[in-house]
Amino acid sequence: MMLWVLVGALLPVVLLAAPPPINKLALFPDKSAWCEAKNITQIVGHSGCKSKSIQNRACLGQCFSYSVPNTFPQSTESLVHCDSCMPSQSMWEIVTLDCPSHDEMPRVDKLVEKIVHCSCQACGKEASHEEMSFFTHGREEHPGSHPGRHSLEVEEPPGPTHPVEEGAEE
């Protein structure tokens, strides 16, 4: 009985887990997937505020994806695989912008994702923001802990470049 409870609890987790990234394909044995964090200068701005340049990283690479023609009735095996170069480790940093033209809100805090490492991961995987740490001026803080009047804005990663509507044909 206990075994069935254990299997029943773990089976959905195993079935929903993303497959591991693919580093080599049989059709192209001389090609390898690669993904790395490259240094960039990022401009953080807000309307009516002075922009700031910060050092950050961007994920750049080539990860494998494939799609094999399906059958009807449909087979039970997945014939589609997609990996994308994306952050595997990041932290959030508060960047304070001065806003001289805003008397009511002279400063705006922007949360900026700082990328530490990148890797090939399943496409569509979203980063978890449950355990976010915020670092500003070398010490850990929490949003809303600044004295004075501030506005806090989260810089979200961009969404998909080509949104697909349900029922739309491609």
Foldseek 3Di string as FASTA:
>chain_A
DVVVVVCVVCVVVVVPDADDFDQADPVCRPHGWDKWWDKDWDWDDDPQWDIDTDIATDIDIGGDWFADDADPVGDPDHRTFDWDKDAPDWAWEWDKIARVVDPQARIEIEIDIGGDTIDIDGPPDDDDCPDHWYDDPHDTDDPPPDPDDYHYHYDDDDDDPDDDDPPDDD
